[in-house]
PDB file of N, CA and C in Angstrom:
ATOM      1  N   UNK A   1      78.562 137.533 255.316  1.00  0.00           N
ATOM      2  CA  UNK A   1      77.159 137.073 255.704  1.00  0.00           C
ATOM      3  C   UNK A   1      77.320 135.789 255.565  1.00  0.00           C
ATOM      4  N   UNK A   2      76.684 135.037 256.002  1.00  0.00           N
ATOM      5  CA  UNK A   2      76.735 133.660 256.388  1.00  0.00           C
ATOM      6  C   UNK A   2      75.462 132.761 256.180  1.00  0.00           C
ATOM      7  N   UNK A   3      75.330 132.163 254.716  1.00  0.00           N
ATOM      8  CA  UNK A   3      73.959 131.316 254.411  1.00  0.00           C
ATOM      9  C   UNK A   3      74.266 129.875 254.406  1.00  0.00           C
ATOM     10  N   UNK A   4      73.258 129.340 255.063  1.00  0.00           N
ATOM     11  CA  UNK A   4      73.394 127.742 255.304  1.00  0.00           C
ATOM     12  C   UNK A   4      71.936 127.552 254.525  1.00  0.00           C
ATOM     13  N   UNK A   5      72.362 126.195 253.647  1.00  0.00           N
ATOM     14  CA  UNK A   5      71.562 125.513 252.953  1.00  0.00           C
ATOM     15  C   UNK A   5      71.913 123.970 253.820  1.00  0.00           C
ATOM     16  N   UNK A   6      70.759 123.585 254.528  1.00  0.00           N
ATOM     17  CA  UNK A   6      70.770 122.511 255.481  1.00  0.00           C
ATOM     18  C   UNK A   6      69.903 121.155 254.414  1.00  0.00           C
ATOM     19  N   UNK A   7      69.903 120.297 254.562  1.00  0.00           N
ATOM     20  CA  UNK A   7      68.704 119.023 254.069  1.00  0.00           C
ATOM     21  C   UNK A   7      69.427 117.931 254.344  1.00  0.00           C
ATOM     22  N   UNK A   8      67.896 116.827 254.597  1.00  0.00           N
ATOM     23  CA  UNK A   8      68.355 115.680 255.098  1.00  0.00           C
ATOM     24  C   UNK A   8      68.639 114.796 254.213  1.00  0.00           C
ATOM     25  N   UNK A   9      69.766 113.712 254.272  1.00  0.00           N
ATOM     26  CA  UNK A   9      70.169 112.771 253.208  1.00  0.00           C
ATOM     27  C   UNK A   9      69.611 111.271 253.819  1.00  0.00           C
ATOM     28  N   UNK A  10      69.324 110.513 253.355  1.00  0.00           N
ATOM     29  CA  UNK A  10      69.190 108.726 253.892  1.00  0.00           C
ATOM     30  C   UNK A  10      70.720 108.256 253.032  1.00  0.00           C
ATOM     31  N   UNK A  11      71.472 107.556 254.074  1.00  0.00           N
ATOM     32  CA  UNK A  11      72.822 107.219 253.620  1.00  0.00           C
ATOM     33  C   UNK A  11      72.118 105.295 253.155  1.00  0.00           C
ATOM     34  N   UNK A  12      73.121 104.720 252.624  1.00  0.00           N
ATOM     35  CA  UNK A  12      72.922 103.310 252.206  1.00  0.00           C
ATOM     36  C   UNK A  12      72.703 102.500 253.534  1.00  0.00           C
ATOM     37  N   UNK A  13      72.906 102.744 254.328  1.00  0.00           N
ATOM     38  CA  UNK A  13      72.646 101.651 255.349  1.00  0.00           C
ATOM     39  C   UNK A  13      71.310 102.037 255.862  1.00  0.00           C
ATOM     40  N   UNK A  14      70.558 103.172 255.616  1.00  0.00           N
ATOM     41  CA  UNK A  14      69.344 103.304 256.006  1.00  0.00           C
ATOM     42  C   UNK A  14      69.357 104.540 256.930  1.00  0.00           C
ATOM     43  N   UNK A  15      70.208 105.104 257.498  1.00  0.00           N
ATOM     44  CA  UNK A  15      70.198 105.895 258.421  1.00  0.00           C
ATOM     45  C   UNK A  15      69.910 106.949 257.871  1.00  0.00           C
ATOM     46  N   UNK A  16      69.578 108.393 258.535  1.00  0.00           N
ATOM     47  CA  UNK A  16      68.965 109.552 258.171  1.00  0.00           C
ATOM     48  C   UNK A  16      70.419 110.489 258.812  1.00  0.00           C
ATOM     49  N   UNK A  17      71.226 111.145 257.990  1.00  0.00           N
ATOM     50  CA  UNK A  17      71.916 112.328 258.025  1.00  0.00           C
ATOM     51  C   UNK A  17      71.850 113.440 257.549  1.00  0.00           C
ATOM     52  N   UNK A  18      71.638 114.555 258.552  1.00  0.00           N
ATOM     53  CA  UNK A  18      71.501 116.071 258.168  1.00  0.00           C
ATOM     54  C   UNK A  18      72.813 116.673 257.680  1.00  0.00           C
ATOM     55  N   UNK A  19      72.672 117.144 256.497  1.00  0.00           N
ATOM     56  CA  UNK A  19      73.997 117.626 256.160  1.00  0.00           C
ATOM     57  C   UNK A  19      73.577 119.808 255.884  1.00  0.00           C
ATOM     58  N   UNK A  20      74.757 120.090 256.525  1.00  0.00           N
ATOM     59  CA  UNK A  20      74.631 121.521 256.428  1.00  0.00           C
ATOM     60  C   UNK A  20      75.659 122.301 255.451  1.00  0.00           C
ATOM     61  N   UNK A  21      75.497 123.065 254.466  1.00  0.00           N
ATOM     62  CA  UNK A  21      76.538 123.723 253.869  1.00  0.00           C
ATOM     63  C   UNK A  21      76.228 125.007 253.824  1.00  0.00           C
ATOM     64  N   UNK A  22      77.406 125.655 254.525  1.00  0.00           N
ATOM     65  CA  UNK A  22      77.672 127.146 254.613  1.00  0.00           C
ATOM     66  C   UNK A  22      78.114 127.770 253.916  1.00  0.00           C
ATOM     67  N   UNK A  23      77.550 128.595 253.110  1.00  0.00           N
ATOM     68  CA  UNK A  23      77.822 129.520 252.224  1.00  0.00           C
ATOM     69  C   UNK A  23      78.245 131.131 252.741  1.00  0.00           C
ATOM     70  N   UNK A  24      79.451 131.723 252.070  1.00  0.00           N
ATOM     71  CA  UNK A  24      79.554 132.932 252.817  1.00  0.00           C
ATOM     72  C   UNK A  24      79.497 134.154 251.427  1.00  0.00           C
ATOM     73  N   UNK A  25      78.784 135.077 252.025  1.00  0.00           N
ATOM     74  CA  UNK A  25      78.099 136.111 251.152  1.00  0.00           C
ATOM     75  C   UNK A  25      79.100 137.350 251.252  1.00  0.00           C
ATOM     76  N   UNK A  26      79.890 137.977 250.452  1.00  0.00           N
ATOM     77  CA  UNK A  26      80.423 138.904 250.570  1.00  0.00           C
ATOM     78  C   UNK A  26      79.847 140.149 250.193  1.00  0.00           C
ATOM     79  N   UNK A  27      79.941 141.387 250.748  1.00  0.00           N
ATOM     80  CA  UNK A  27      79.675 142.621 250.127  1.00  0.00           C
ATOM     81  C   UNK A  27      80.248 143.694 249.659  1.00  0.00           C
ATOM     82  N   UNK A  28      82.104 143.234 249.643  1.00  0.00           N
ATOM     83  CA  UNK A  28      82.931 144.215 249.128  1.00  0.00           C
ATOM     84  C   UNK A  28      83.720 143.549 247.870  1.00  0.00           C
ATOM     85  N   UNK A  29      82.852 142.844 246.806  1.00  0.00           N
ATOM     86  CA  UNK A  29      83.491 142.750 245.465  1.00  0.00           C
ATOM     87  C   UNK A  29      82.542 143.316 244.376  1.00  0.00           C
ATOM     88  N   UNK A  30      83.415 144.239 243.530  1.00  0.00           N
ATOM     89  CA  UNK A  30      83.020 145.441 242.741  1.00  0.00           C
ATOM     90  C   UNK A  30      82.613 144.494 241.749  1.00  0.00           C
ATOM     91  N   UNK A  31      81.574 145.875 240.964  1.00  0.00           N
ATOM     92  CA  UNK A  31      81.540 145.157 239.776  1.00  0.00           C
ATOM     93  C   UNK A  31      82.107 145.500 238.115  1.00  0.00           C
ATOM     94  N   UNK A  32      83.232 146.395 238.621  1.00  0.00           N
ATOM     95  CA  UNK A  32      83.927 146.208 237.538  1.00  0.00           C
ATOM     96  C   UNK A  32      83.636 147.434 236.383  1.00  0.00           C
ATOM     97  N   UNK A  33      82.333 148.034 236.773  1.00  0.00           N
ATOM     98  CA  UNK A  33      81.737 149.399 236.298  1.00  0.00           C
ATOM     99  C   UNK A  33      82.647 150.708 236.798  1.00  0.00           C
ATOM    100  N   UNK A  34      83.174 151.501 235.858  1.00  0.00           N
ATOM    101  CA  UNK A  34      83.578 152.817 235.965  1.00  0.00           C
ATOM    102  C   UNK A  34      82.361 153.687 236.763  1.00  0.00           C
ATOM    103  N   UNK A  35      81.351 153.618 236.332  1.00  0.00           N
ATOM    104  CA  UNK A  35      80.346 154.526 236.705  1.00  0.00           C
ATOM    105  C   UNK A  35      79.454 154.064 237.741  1.00  0.00           C
ATOM    106  N   UNK A  36      80.019 153.100 238.473  1.00  0.00           N
ATOM    107  CA  UNK A  36      78.784 152.406 239.682  1.00  0.00           C
ATOM    108  C   UNK A  36      78.978 153.479 240.816  1.00  0.00           C
ATOM    109  N   UNK A  37      78.276 153.750 241.597  1.00  0.00           N
ATOM    110  CA  UNK A  37      78.494 154.736 243.124  1.00  0.00           C
ATOM    111  C   UNK A  37      78.475 154.082 243.934  1.00  0.00           C
ATOM    112  N   UNK A  38      78.282 152.659 243.865  1.00  0.00           N
ATOM    113  CA  UNK A  38      77.957 151.458 245.174  1.00  0.00           C
ATOM    114  C   UNK A  38      79.503 150.985 245.350  1.00  0.00           C
ATOM    115  N   UNK A  39      80.189 150.603 244.282  1.00  0.00           N
ATOM    116  CA  UNK A  39      81.358 150.136 244.360  1.00  0.00           C
ATOM    117  C   UNK A  39      82.896 150.986 244.098  1.00  0.00           C
ATOM    118  N   UNK A  40      83.902 150.426 244.597  1.00  0.00           N
ATOM    119  CA  UNK A  40      85.206 150.923 244.338  1.00  0.00           C
ATOM    120  C   UNK A  40      85.177 151.343 242.775  1.00  0.00           C
ATOM    121  N   UNK A  41      85.182 151.915 242.343  1.00  0.00           N
ATOM    122  CA  UNK A  41      85.793 152.152 241.091  1.00  0.00           C
ATOM    123  C   UNK A  41      87.005 152.377 240.318  1.00  0.00           C
ATOM    124  N   UNK A  42      87.834 152.297 241.487  1.00  0.00           N
ATOM    125  CA  UNK A  42      89.540 152.745 241.059  1.00  0.00           C
ATOM    126  C   UNK A  42      90.162 151.531 240.272  1.00  0.00           C
ATOM    127  N   UNK A  43      89.825 150.337 240.647  1.00  0.00           N
ATOM    128  CA  UNK A  43      90.178 148.906 239.636  1.00  0.00           C
ATOM    129  C   UNK A  43      89.294 148.427 238.482  1.00  0.00           C
ATOM    130  N   UNK A  44      88.438 149.728 238.041  1.00  0.00           N
ATOM    131  CA  UNK A  44      87.462 149.199 236.962  1.00  0.00           C
ATOM    132  C   UNK A  44      87.792 148.725 235.634  1.00  0.00           C
ATOM    133  N   UNK A  45      87.443 147.624 235.341  1.00  0.00           N
ATOM    134  CA  UNK A  45      88.327 146.855 233.973  1.00  0.00           C
ATOM    135  C   UNK A  45      86.882 146.987 233.019  1.00  0.00           C
ATOM    136  N   UNK A  46      86.019 147.671 232.738  1.00  0.00           N
ATOM    137  CA  UNK A  46      85.218 148.371 231.826  1.00  0.00           C
ATOM    138  C   UNK A  46      85.799 149.121 231.340  1.00  0.00           C
ATOM    139  N   UNK A  47      85.194 149.729 229.942  1.00  0.00           N
ATOM    140  CA  UNK A  47      85.325 151.203 229.190  1.00  0.00           C
ATOM    141  C   UNK A  47      84.642 152.099 230.012  1.00  0.00           C
ATOM    142  N   UNK A  48      85.512 153.041 230.169  1.00  0.00           N
ATOM    143  CA  UNK A  48      84.956 154.491 230.822  1.00  0.00           C
ATOM    144  C   UNK A  48      83.702 155.162 230.154  1.00  0.00           C
ATOM    145  N   UNK A  49      83.553 154.833 228.514  1.00  0.00           N
ATOM    146  CA  UNK A  49      82.545 155.243 228.168  1.00  0.00           C
ATOM    147  C   UNK A  49      81.438 154.062 227.698  1.00  0.00           C
ATOM    148  N   UNK A  50      81.182 153.485 228.493  1.00  0.00           N
ATOM    149  CA  UNK A  50      80.338 152.098 228.045  1.00  0.00           C
ATOM    150  C   UNK A  50      79.060 152.653 228.440  1.00  0.00           C
ATOM    151  N   UNK A  51      78.619 152.818 227.014  1.00  0.00           N
ATOM    152  CA  UNK A  51      77.073 153.013 227.331  1.00  0.00           C
ATOM    153  C   UNK A  51      75.851 151.765 227.500  1.00  0.00           C
ATOM    154  N   UNK A  52      76.606 150.567 227.000  1.00  0.00           N
ATOM    155  CA  UNK A  52      76.125 149.397 227.063  1.00  0.00           C
ATOM    156  C   UNK A  52      76.840 148.316 227.255  1.00  0.00           C
ATOM    157  N   UNK A  53      76.786 147.955 228.660  1.00  0.00           N
ATOM    158  CA  UNK A  53      77.289 146.300 229.165  1.00  0.00           C
ATOM    159  C   UNK A  53      76.382 145.168 229.021  1.00  0.00           C
ATOM    160  N   UNK A  54      77.266 144.131 228.228  1.00  0.00           N
ATOM    161  CA  UNK A  54      76.697 142.813 227.775  1.00  0.00           C
ATOM    162  C   UNK A  54      77.237 141.849 228.820  1.00  0.00           C
ATOM    163  N   UNK A  55      75.830 141.251 229.405  1.00  0.00           N
ATOM    164  CA  UNK A  55      76.164 140.120 230.399  1.00  0.00           C
ATOM    165  C   UNK A  55      75.945 138.909 229.323  1.00  0.00           C
ATOM    166  N   UNK A  56      76.693 137.864 229.504  1.00  0.00           N
ATOM    167  CA  UNK A  56      76.763 136.933 228.489  1.00  0.00           C
ATOM    168  C   UNK A  56      76.017 135.306 229.549  1.00  0.00           C
ATOM    169  N   UNK A  57      75.378 134.513 229.091  1.00  0.00           N
ATOM    170  CA  UNK A  57      75.309 133.450 229.886  1.00  0.00           C
ATOM    171  C   UNK A  57      75.873 132.124 229.174  1.00  0.00           C
ATOM    172  N   UNK A  58      75.730 130.980 229.791  1.00  0.00           N
ATOM    173  CA  UNK A  58      76.694 130.006 229.064  1.00  0.00           C
ATOM    174  C   UNK A  58      76.210 129.524 227.957  1.00  0.00           C
ATOM    175  N   UNK A  59      75.051 129.610 227.098  1.00  0.00           N
ATOM    176  CA  UNK A  59      74.784 129.271 225.872  1.00  0.00           C
ATOM    177  C   UNK A  59      75.224 130.003 225.046  1.00  0.00           C
ATOM    178  N   UNK A  60      75.388 131.490 225.178  1.00  0.00           N
ATOM    179  CA  UNK A  60      75.901 132.431 224.461  1.00  0.00           C
ATOM    180  C   UNK A  60      77.489 132.253 224.316  1.00  0.00           C
ATOM    181  N   UNK A  61      78.085 131.882 225.318  1.00  0.00           N
ATOM    182  CA  UNK A  61      79.409 131.421 225.167  1.00  0.00           C
ATOM    183  C   UNK A  61      79.587 130.150 224.582  1.00  0.00           C
ATOM    184  N   UNK A  62      78.984 129.081 224.905  1.00  0.00           N
ATOM    185  CA  UNK A  62      79.156 128.130 223.849  1.00  0.00           C
ATOM    186  C   UNK A  62      78.788 128.347 222.405  1.00  0.00           C
ATOM    187  N   UNK A  63      77.690 129.015 222.210  1.00  0.00           N
ATOM    188  CA  UNK A  63      77.391 128.722 220.689  1.00  0.00           C
ATOM    189  C   UNK A  63      78.011 130.082 219.926  1.00  0.00           C
ATOM    190  N   UNK A  64      78.468 131.167 220.361  1.00  0.00           N
ATOM    191  CA  UNK A  64      78.822 132.494 220.053  1.00  0.00           C
ATOM    192  C   UNK A  64      80.172 132.960 220.197  1.00  0.00           C
ATOM    193  N   UNK A  65      81.092 131.832 220.636  1.00  0.00           N
ATOM    194  CA  UNK A  65      82.494 131.956 221.153  1.00  0.00           C
ATOM    195  C   UNK A  65      83.040 132.708 219.869  1.00  0.00           C
ATOM    196  N   UNK A  66      82.562 132.565 218.508  1.00  0.00           N
ATOM    197  CA  UNK A  66      83.370 133.206 217.472  1.00  0.00           C
ATOM    198  C   UNK A  66      83.108 134.870 217.308  1.00  0.00           C
ATOM    199  N   UNK A  67      82.188 135.090 218.162  1.00  0.00           N
ATOM    200  CA  UNK A  67      81.263 136.631 218.121  1.00  0.00           C
ATOM    201  C   UNK A  67      82.034 137.271 219.137  1.00  0.00           C
ATOM    202  N   UNK A  68      82.500 136.641 220.448  1.00  0.00           N
ATOM    203  CA  UNK A  68      82.804 137.044 221.343  1.00  0.00           C
ATOM    204  C   UNK A  68      84.341 137.667 221.191  1.00  0.00           C
ATOM    205  N   UNK A  69      84.899 136.908 219.984  1.00  0.00           N
ATOM    206  CA  UNK A  69      86.435 136.844 219.714  1.00  0.00           C
ATOM    207  C   UNK A  69      86.973 138.302 218.851  1.00  0.00           C
ATOM    208  N   UNK A  70      85.543 138.713 218.539  1.00  0.00           N
ATOM    209  CA  UNK A  70      85.563 139.548 217.376  1.00  0.00           C
ATOM    210  C   UNK A  70      85.902 140.978 218.438  1.00  0.00           C
ATOM    211  N   UNK A  71      87.267 141.673 217.842  1.00  0.00           N
ATOM    212  CA  UNK A  71      88.016 142.679 218.634  1.00  0.00           C
ATOM    213  C   UNK A  71      86.657 144.096 218.624  1.00  0.00           C
ATOM    214  N   UNK A  72      85.571 143.861 217.837  1.00  0.00           N
ATOM    215  CA  UNK A  72      84.209 144.886 217.871  1.00  0.00           C
ATOM    216  C   UNK A  72      83.744 144.689 219.352  1.00  0.00           C
ATOM    217  N   UNK A  73      83.468 143.448 219.881  1.00  0.00           N
ATOM    218  CA  UNK A  73      82.547 143.548 221.141  1.00  0.00           C
ATOM    219  C   UNK A  73      83.439 143.890 222.320  1.00  0.00           C
ATOM    220  N   UNK A  74      83.000 144.893 223.337  1.00  0.00           N
ATOM    221  CA  UNK A  74      83.703 145.187 224.324  1.00  0.00           C
ATOM    222  C   UNK A  74      82.784 145.592 225.390  1.00  0.00           C
ATOM    223  N   UNK A  75      83.156 145.627 226.124  1.00  0.00           N
ATOM    224  CA  UNK A  75      82.771 145.568 227.829  1.00  0.00           C
ATOM    225  C   UNK A  75      81.818 144.770 228.015  1.00  0.00           C
ATOM    226  N   UNK A  76      82.092 143.784 228.195  1.00  0.00           N
ATOM    227  CA  UNK A  76      81.065 142.089 228.479  1.00  0.00           C
ATOM    228  C   UNK A  76      81.518 141.453 230.014  1.00  0.00           C
ATOM    229  N   UNK A  77      80.665 141.122 230.645  1.00  0.00           N
ATOM    230  CA  UNK A  77      80.706 140.423 231.855  1.00  0.00           C
ATOM    231  C   UNK A  77      80.419 139.505 231.729  1.00  0.00           C
ATOM    232  N   UNK A  78      81.358 138.234 232.487  1.00  0.00           N
ATOM    233  CA  UNK A  78      81.287 137.138 232.316  1.00  0.00           C
ATOM    234  C   UNK A  78      80.900 136.421 233.442  1.00  0.00           C
ATOM    235  N   UNK A  79      79.575 136.155 234.217  1.00  0.00           N
ATOM    236  CA  UNK A  79      79.686 135.283 235.528  1.00  0.00           C
ATOM    237  C   UNK A  79      80.479 134.137 235.653  1.00  0.00           C
ATOM    238  N   UNK A  80      80.956 133.972 237.400  1.00  0.00           N
ATOM    239  CA  UNK A  80      81.962 132.800 237.438  1.00  0.00           C
ATOM    240  C   UNK A  80      81.206 131.623 237.469  1.00  0.00           C
ATOM    241  N   UNK A  81      79.924 131.965 237.773  1.00  0.00           N
ATOM    242  CA  UNK A  81      78.851 130.371 237.125  1.00  0.00           C
ATOM    243  C   UNK A  81      79.289 130.181 235.967  1.00  0.00           C
ATOM    244  N   UNK A  82      79.176 131.069 235.037  1.00  0.00           N
ATOM    245  CA  UNK A  82      79.017 130.929 233.287  1.00  0.00           C
ATOM    246  C   UNK A  82      80.656 130.131 233.025  1.00  0.00           C
ATOM    247  N   UNK A  83      81.561 130.902 233.584  1.00  0.00           N
ATOM    248  CA  UNK A  83      82.736 130.211 233.488  1.00  0.00           C
ATOM    249  C   UNK A  83      82.766 128.547 234.096  1.00  0.00           C
ATOM    250  N   UNK A  84      82.374 128.298 235.057  1.00  0.00           N
ATOM    251  CA  UNK A  84      82.336 126.848 235.563  1.00  0.00           C
ATOM    252  C   UNK A  84      81.509 125.697 234.631  1.00  0.00           C
ATOM    253  N   UNK A  85      80.378 126.101 234.098  1.00  0.00           N
ATOM    254  CA  UNK A  85      79.553 125.644 233.272  1.00  0.00           C
ATOM    255  C   UNK A  85      80.153 125.370 231.836  1.00  0.00           C
ATOM    256  N   UNK A  86      80.485 126.383 231.528  1.00  0.00           N
ATOM    257  CA  UNK A  86      81.423 126.125 230.483  1.00  0.00           C
ATOM    258  C   UNK A  86      82.820 125.106 230.376  1.00  0.00           C
ATOM    259  N   UNK A  87      83.180 125.173 231.331  1.00  0.00           N
ATOM    260  CA  UNK A  87      84.236 124.383 231.757  1.00  0.00           C
ATOM    261  C   UNK A  87      84.002 122.961 231.706  1.00  0.00           C
ATOM    262  N   UNK A  88      82.492 122.521 232.658  1.00  0.00           N
ATOM    263  CA  UNK A  88      82.447 121.357 232.516  1.00  0.00           C
ATOM    264  C   UNK A  88      81.881 120.847 231.391  1.00  0.00           C
ATOM    265  N   UNK A  89      81.278 121.828 230.249  1.00  0.00           N
ATOM    266  CA  UNK A  89      80.667 121.684 228.789  1.00  0.00           C
ATOM    267  C   UNK A  89      81.661 121.239 227.783  1.00  0.00           C
ATOM    268  N   UNK A  90      82.538 121.955 227.675  1.00  0.00           N
ATOM    269  CA  UNK A  90      83.833 122.190 226.939  1.00  0.00           C
ATOM    270  C   UNK A  90      84.826 122.890 226.762  1.00  0.00           C
ATOM    271  N   UNK A  91      85.780 122.220 227.394  1.00  0.00           N
ATOM    272  CA  UNK A  91      87.108 122.906 227.482  1.00  0.00           C
ATOM    273  C   UNK A  91      87.918 123.730 226.520  1.00  0.00           C
ATOM    274  N   UNK A  92      87.405 123.492 225.224  1.00  0.00           N
ATOM    275  CA  UNK A  92      88.175 124.062 224.317  1.00  0.00           C
ATOM    276  C   UNK A  92      87.794 125.501 224.164  1.00  0.00           C
ATOM    277  N   UNK A  93      86.321 125.800 224.370  1.00  0.00           N
ATOM    278  CA  UNK A  93      85.742 127.002 224.420  1.00  0.00           C
ATOM    279  C   UNK A  93      86.030 127.886 225.813  1.00  0.00           C
ATOM    280  N   UNK A  94      86.279 126.887 227.033  1.00  0.00           N
ATOM    281  CA  UNK A  94      86.524 127.695 228.263  1.00  0.00           C
ATOM    282  C   UNK A  94      88.038 128.083 228.210  1.00  0.00           C
ATOM    283  N   UNK A  95      88.966 127.476 227.513  1.00  0.00           N
ATOM    284  CA  UNK A  95      90.285 128.043 227.196  1.00  0.00           C
ATOM    285  C   UNK A  95      90.204 129.092 226.239  1.00  0.00           C
ATOM    286  N   UNK A  96      89.193 129.310 225.372  1.00  0.00           N
ATOM    287  CA  UNK A  96      89.298 130.498 224.680  1.00  0.00           C
ATOM    288  C   UNK A  96      88.819 131.530 225.186  1.00  0.00           C
ATOM    289  N   UNK A  97      87.551 131.579 225.947  1.00  0.00           N
ATOM    290  CA  UNK A  97      87.075 132.684 226.696  1.00  0.00           C
ATOM    291  C   UNK A  97      87.779 133.270 227.846  1.00  0.00           C
ATOM    292  N   UNK A  98      88.995 132.103 228.566  1.00  0.00           N
ATOM    293  CA  UNK A  98      89.429 132.657 229.637  1.00  0.00           C
ATOM    294  C   UNK A  98      90.549 133.432 229.060  1.00  0.00           C
ATOM    295  N   UNK A  99      91.081 133.112 227.627  1.00  0.00           N
ATOM    296  CA  UNK A  99      92.288 133.800 226.985  1.00  0.00           C
ATOM    297  C   UNK A  99      92.028 135.330 226.580  1.00  0.00           C
ATOM    298  N   UNK A 100      90.533 135.001 226.390  1.00  0.00           N
ATOM    299  CA  UNK A 100      89.972 136.640 226.481  1.00  0.00           C
ATOM    300  C   UNK A 100      89.549 137.575 227.519  1.00  0.00           C
ATOM    301  N   UNK A 101      89.538 136.967 228.543  1.00  0.00           N
ATOM    302  CA  UNK A 101      89.377 137.445 229.704  1.00  0.00           C
ATOM    303  C   UNK A 101      90.761 137.970 230.236  1.00  0.00           C
ATOM    304  N   UNK A 102      91.597 137.012 230.118  1.00  0.00           N
ATOM    305  CA  UNK A 102      93.105 137.131 230.560  1.00  0.00           C
ATOM    306  C   UNK A 102      93.567 138.533 229.512  1.00  0.00           C
ATOM    307  N   UNK A 103      93.129 138.714 228.307  1.00  0.00           N
ATOM    308  CA  UNK A 103      93.785 139.583 227.717  1.00  0.00           C
ATOM    309  C   UNK A 103      93.449 141.479 228.203  1.00  0.00           C
ATOM    310  N   UNK A 104      94.585 141.731 228.425  1.00  0.00           N
ATOM    311  CA  UNK A 104      94.147 143.377 229.038  1.00  0.00           C
ATOM    312  C   UNK A 104      93.941 144.236 228.014  1.00  0.00           C
ATOM    313  N   UNK A 105      93.987 144.133 226.966  1.00  0.00           N
ATOM    314  CA  UNK A 105      93.506 145.099 225.721  1.00  0.00           C
ATOM    315  C   UNK A 105      91.753 144.812 225.308  1.00  0.00           C
ATOM    316  N   UNK A 106      91.878 143.847 225.952  1.00  0.00           N
ATOM    317  CA  UNK A 106      89.639 143.908 225.629  1.00  0.00           C
ATOM    318  C   UNK A 106      89.320 143.971 227.143  1.00  0.00           C
ATOM    319  N   UNK A 107      88.213 144.677 226.857  1.00  0.00           N
ATOM    320  CA  UNK A 107      87.415 144.734 228.260  1.00  0.00           C
ATOM    321  C   UNK A 107      86.211 143.873 228.504  1.00  0.00           C
ATOM    322  N   UNK A 108      86.620 142.467 229.117  1.00  0.00           N
ATOM    323  CA  UNK A 108      85.855 141.408 229.395  1.00  0.00           C
ATOM    324  C   UNK A 108      86.360 141.490 230.959  1.00  0.00           C
ATOM    325  N   UNK A 109      85.467 141.398 231.693  1.00  0.00           N
ATOM    326  CA  UNK A 109      85.411 141.302 233.269  1.00  0.00           C
ATOM    327  C   UNK A 109      84.505 139.980 233.973  1.00  0.00           C
ATOM    328  N   UNK A 110      85.725 139.038 234.665  1.00  0.00           N
ATOM    329  CA  UNK A 110      84.598 137.844 235.312  1.00  0.00           C
ATOM    330  C   UNK A 110      84.442 138.559 236.792  1.00  0.00           C
ATOM    331  N   UNK A 111      83.107 138.575 237.051  1.00  0.00           N
ATOM    332  CA  UNK A 111      82.239 139.000 238.068  1.00  0.00           C
ATOM    333  C   UNK A 111      82.169 137.448 238.874  1.00  0.00           C
ATOM    334  N   UNK A 112      82.070 137.765 240.460  1.00  0.00           N
ATOM    335  CA  UNK A 112      82.341 136.088 240.851  1.00  0.00           C
ATOM    336  C   UNK A 112      81.179 136.331 241.747  1.00  0.00           C
ATOM    337  N   UNK A 113      79.742 135.841 241.176  1.00  0.00           N
ATOM    338  CA  UNK A 113      78.257 136.230 241.376  1.00  0.00           C
ATOM    339  C   UNK A 113      78.465 135.328 242.183  1.00  0.00           C
ATOM    340  N   UNK A 114      78.860 133.923 242.439  1.00  0.00           N
ATOM    341  CA  UNK A 114      78.329 133.248 243.635  1.00  0.00           C
ATOM    342  C   UNK A 114      78.762 133.561 244.775  1.00  0.00           C
ATOM    343  N   UNK A 115      79.490 134.390 245.388  1.00  0.00           N
ATOM    344  CA  UNK A 115      80.132 134.784 246.608  1.00  0.00           C
ATOM    345  C   UNK A 115      79.548 136.455 247.085  1.00  0.00           C
ATOM    346  N   UNK A 116      78.965 136.780 246.167  1.00  0.00           N
ATOM    347  CA  UNK A 116      78.312 138.227 246.370  1.00  0.00           C
ATOM    348  C   UNK A 116      77.016 138.275 246.911  1.00  0.00           C
ATOM    349  N   UNK A 117      76.845 139.214 247.521  1.00  0.00           N
ATOM    350  CA  UNK A 117      75.631 139.368 248.628  1.00  0.00           C
ATOM    351  C   UNK A 117      74.637 139.914 247.898  1.00  0.00           C
TER     352      UNK A 117
END
């Protein structure tokens, strides 16, 4: 699915210029939950017995990274937009959350919500 964002911008020379940004949305990105009936759950990253899934935002990642590094915290979904914002605000915290997400023993899943339909 194609989504267009168009707006009009005034240049330094005083001319009006129309800008169009195309944004492609996909419906084949799975959510990572094994109990989801809509997505393909063969590549699920979250726990099979997950009764609660934690979805974190930017402020939680920035302010509570020590809590997220605790091994007791499982079944966490980190949105890709959150990762980008954390990268722009604090690179040390970004590296720590990426290390948690890349650890196969932890049940953290990065969901690319920017391109999901």
